[in-house]
Protein backbone atom coordinates (compact mmCIF):
# COMPACT_ATOMS: atom_id res chain seq x y z
CA MET A 1 -45.05 -22.09 23.29
CA PRO A 2 -47.88 -20.05 24.89
CA PRO A 3 -49.96 -21.68 27.64
CA ARG A 4 -53.20 -23.28 26.53
CA PRO A 5 -56.37 -21.55 27.63
CA ARG A 6 -58.29 -23.51 30.25
CA ALA A 7 -61.89 -24.49 29.81
CA PRO A 8 -64.33 -22.76 32.17
CA ARG A 9 -65.12 -24.81 35.23
CA GLY A 10 -68.40 -25.22 37.07
CA PRO A 11 -69.02 -24.95 40.81
CA ALA A 12 -67.75 -28.48 41.47
CA GLY A 13 -64.63 -27.96 39.37
CA LEU A 14 -66.05 -29.94 36.43
CA ALA A 15 -66.15 -28.78 32.87
CA PRO A 16 -69.64 -27.66 31.83
CA GLY A 17 -69.92 -30.20 29.02
CA SER A 18 -68.61 -33.24 30.90
CA PRO A 19 -71.02 -36.09 31.66
CA SER A 20 -70.25 -35.71 35.35
CA GLY A 21 -71.33 -32.09 35.10
CA ILE A 22 -74.94 -33.16 35.42
CA GLY A 23 -76.01 -32.19 38.89
CA ALA A 24 -72.75 -30.37 39.51
CA PRO A 25 -74.38 -27.75 41.75
CA ALA A 26 -75.42 -30.56 44.09
CA LEU A 27 -71.88 -31.88 44.28
CA GLY A 28 -69.89 -30.42 47.08
CA ALA A 29 -73.02 -29.09 48.70
CA GLY A 30 -72.64 -31.69 51.44
CA LEU A 31 -75.44 -32.81 53.67
CA PRO A 32 -78.51 -30.66 53.97
CA LYS A 33 -78.10 -27.97 56.55
CA VAL A 34 -79.67 -29.07 59.79
CA PRO A 35 -80.29 -26.15 62.11
CA ARG A 36 -78.80 -26.61 65.54
CA PRO A 37 -80.89 -25.54 68.49
CA ARG A 38 -79.41 -22.35 69.84
CA ARG A 39 -80.46 -19.98 72.52
CA SER A 40 -81.60 -16.61 71.26
CA GLN A 41 -79.52 -14.93 73.94
CA PRO A 42 -76.67 -16.72 75.64
CA LEU A 43 -77.17 -17.25 79.33
CA GLY A 44 -74.67 -15.61 81.60
CA ASP A 45 -73.30 -17.48 84.56
CA PRO A 46 -75.97 -17.45 87.26
CA GLU A 47 -75.24 -15.73 90.54
CA ILE A 48 -76.92 -16.37 93.86
CA ASP A 49 -77.61 -13.13 95.69
CA ASP A 50 -77.61 -12.83 99.48
CA GLU A 51 -81.40 -12.84 99.79
CA LEU A 52 -81.77 -16.07 97.81
CA TRP A 53 -78.87 -17.68 99.66
CA ALA A 54 -80.56 -16.85 102.99
CA ARG A 55 -83.55 -18.92 101.82
CA ILE A 56 -81.47 -21.82 100.45
CA GLU A 57 -78.92 -22.18 103.26
CA PRO A 58 -81.32 -23.66 105.87
CA LEU A 59 -82.26 -26.42 103.39
CA ILE A 60 -78.68 -27.66 103.00
CA PRO A 61 -77.70 -30.36 105.52
CA VAL A 62 -74.73 -29.65 107.75
CA LYS A 63 -71.96 -32.21 107.39
CA VAL A 64 -70.03 -32.73 110.61
CA ARG A 65 -66.29 -33.07 110.15
CA ARG A 66 -64.29 -35.74 111.88
CA ARG A 67 -62.36 -34.58 114.87
CA ARG A 68 -59.38 -36.79 114.20
CA TYR A 69 -57.93 -36.59 110.69
CA PRO A 70 -60.51 -34.07 109.48
CA GLY A 71 -58.93 -33.74 106.05
CA ARG A 72 -59.12 -30.72 103.84
CA MET A 73 -61.57 -27.92 104.61
CA PRO A 74 -64.64 -28.37 102.41
CA LEU A 75 -65.54 -25.70 99.91
CA ASP A 76 -68.31 -23.26 100.68
CA ASP A 77 -71.76 -24.63 99.80
CA ARG A 78 -72.69 -21.38 98.06
CA ALA A 79 -69.69 -21.61 95.71
CA VAL A 80 -70.42 -25.27 94.94
CA LEU A 81 -74.09 -24.55 94.26
CA THR A 82 -73.06 -21.75 91.90
CA GLY A 83 -70.74 -24.23 90.16
CA ILE A 84 -73.65 -26.62 89.66
CA LEU A 85 -75.71 -23.78 88.19
CA VAL A 86 -72.84 -22.83 85.84
CA VAL A 87 -72.75 -26.42 84.57
CA LEU A 88 -76.50 -26.32 83.95
CA ALA A 89 -76.45 -22.86 82.35
CA ARG A 90 -73.59 -23.63 79.98
CA GLY A 91 -74.87 -27.10 79.13
CA ILE A 92 -71.48 -28.70 79.83
CA GLY A 93 -70.50 -31.79 81.75
CA PHE A 94 -69.29 -31.53 85.32
CA GLU A 95 -65.79 -32.57 84.24
CA ARG A 96 -65.56 -29.48 82.01
CA LEU A 97 -66.22 -26.94 84.77
CA PRO A 98 -63.16 -24.63 84.81
CA LYS A 99 -61.41 -24.56 88.18
CA GLU A 100 -60.36 -20.99 87.50
CA LEU A 101 -63.89 -19.78 88.24
CA GLY A 102 -63.41 -20.61 91.93
CA TYR A 103 -66.37 -22.99 92.28
CA GLY A 104 -64.23 -26.05 92.89
CA SER A 105 -63.72 -28.89 90.51
CA GLY A 106 -66.55 -30.47 88.59
CA MET A 107 -66.17 -33.63 90.64
CA THR A 108 -66.60 -31.66 93.86
CA CYS A 109 -69.80 -30.11 92.52
CA TRP A 110 -71.04 -33.50 91.34
CA ARG A 111 -70.35 -35.13 94.73
CA ARG A 112 -72.07 -32.35 96.64
CA LEU A 113 -75.07 -32.61 94.31
CA ARG A 114 -75.15 -36.37 94.93
CA ASP A 115 -75.03 -35.82 98.70
CA TRP A 116 -77.88 -33.31 98.54
CA GLN A 117 -79.94 -35.68 96.42
CA GLN A 118 -79.36 -38.56 98.81
CA ALA A 119 -80.35 -36.31 101.72
CA GLY A 120 -83.57 -35.51 99.85
CA VAL A 121 -83.13 -31.72 99.78
CA TRP A 122 -82.23 -31.22 96.11
CA PRO A 123 -85.82 -31.08 94.75
CA ALA A 124 -86.65 -28.21 97.12
CA ILE A 125 -83.43 -26.37 96.26
CA ALA A 126 -83.99 -26.85 92.52
CA GLN A 127 -87.57 -25.61 92.77
CA LEU A 128 -86.50 -22.54 94.71
CA LEU A 129 -83.73 -21.80 92.21
CA ALA A 130 -86.02 -22.27 89.22
CA ASN A 131 -88.53 -19.80 90.68
CA GLU A 132 -86.17 -17.18 92.14
CA LEU A 133 -83.23 -16.93 89.72
CA PRO A 134 -83.70 -14.43 86.89
CA ASP A 135 -82.99 -17.09 84.23
CA GLY A 136 -84.01 -20.00 86.45
CA ARG A 137 -86.77 -21.23 84.14
CA ARG A 138 -84.29 -21.50 81.26
CA LEU A 139 -81.95 -23.83 83.19
CA ASP A 140 -82.38 -27.53 82.49
CA PHE A 141 -82.82 -29.00 85.96
CA ARG A 142 -83.91 -32.31 84.42
CA ARG A 143 -80.23 -33.13 83.84
CA VAL A 144 -79.73 -33.40 87.59
CA ALA A 145 -83.19 -34.59 88.59
CA THR A 146 -83.52 -36.89 91.55
CA PRO A 147 -84.04 -40.49 90.48
CA THR A 148 -87.51 -41.80 91.25
CA GLY A 149 -89.17 -45.15 91.05
CA PRO A 150 -87.52 -48.49 91.77
CA THR A 151 -83.99 -47.05 91.74
CA GLY A 152 -84.59 -44.98 94.87
CA PRO A 153 -82.52 -42.21 96.38
CA ASP A 154 -79.36 -44.34 96.62
CA ALA A 155 -78.95 -44.50 92.85
CA PRO A 156 -75.98 -42.66 91.39
CA VAL A 157 -76.52 -39.18 90.01
CA THR A 158 -76.66 -38.81 86.21
CA ARG A 159 -74.89 -42.09 85.51
CA ARG A 160 -75.95 -44.90 83.25
CA PRO A 161 -76.70 -48.19 84.96
CA THR A 162 -73.94 -50.70 84.45
CA PRO A 163 -74.59 -54.45 84.37
CA PRO A 164 -72.76 -56.50 86.96
CA ARG A 165 -69.56 -57.96 85.60
CA ALA A 166 -69.01 -61.66 85.90
CA LYS A 167 -65.79 -62.71 87.60
CA GLN A 168 -63.29 -64.37 85.30
CA PRO A 169 -60.38 -66.55 86.37
CA SER A 170 -56.93 -65.31 85.47
CA ALA A 171 -55.30 -66.57 82.30
CA VAL A 172 -53.00 -68.89 84.26
CA ALA A 173 -55.87 -70.30 86.33
CA ALA A 174 -57.98 -70.85 83.22
CA GLU A 175 -55.10 -72.68 81.58
CA PHE A 176 -55.07 -75.21 84.42
CA GLY A 177 -58.86 -75.56 84.44
CA MET A 178 -59.43 -73.66 87.68
CA THR A 179 -62.69 -71.82 88.17
CA LEU A 180 -63.70 -69.19 90.65
CA LEU A 181 -65.47 -70.45 93.72
CA ARG A 182 -67.57 -68.14 95.81
């Protein structure tokens, strides 16, 4: 017995005469295409030249190491600042900064940024970088802007405020009717 010829199918796989064939071109089209904002030219990783670093270095506060139990040697401020700029240029989170680039971990860059913000020097550094770097105006420094207003300089950097958590007694204490006393 020879195989039966198949009826021609439309774009959605439906037969042209089927009742579901009405609007078949719209089926499978998915959601309307929403254009994603993209840069016309991808930004390269920013580099701080010696002349710019000579202007930035005096702004950075010197952190004195402990004499006893000094811990690990801190990373160079220039490398950490470049790591912060890489995070801003690529539009990634600090936790996604590759360690292989040699700028330290993302957490190290985030902590150093926090320290510079709390010392009050970050706005001057950011302004200098925005004006002097070749692609400085294209970097989004608002992501790491210093908090202003009632939060003050002691507020955490780029973190959402968290409500205070109420203390709860343990399950055993709650079973016996105990409550937490301050």
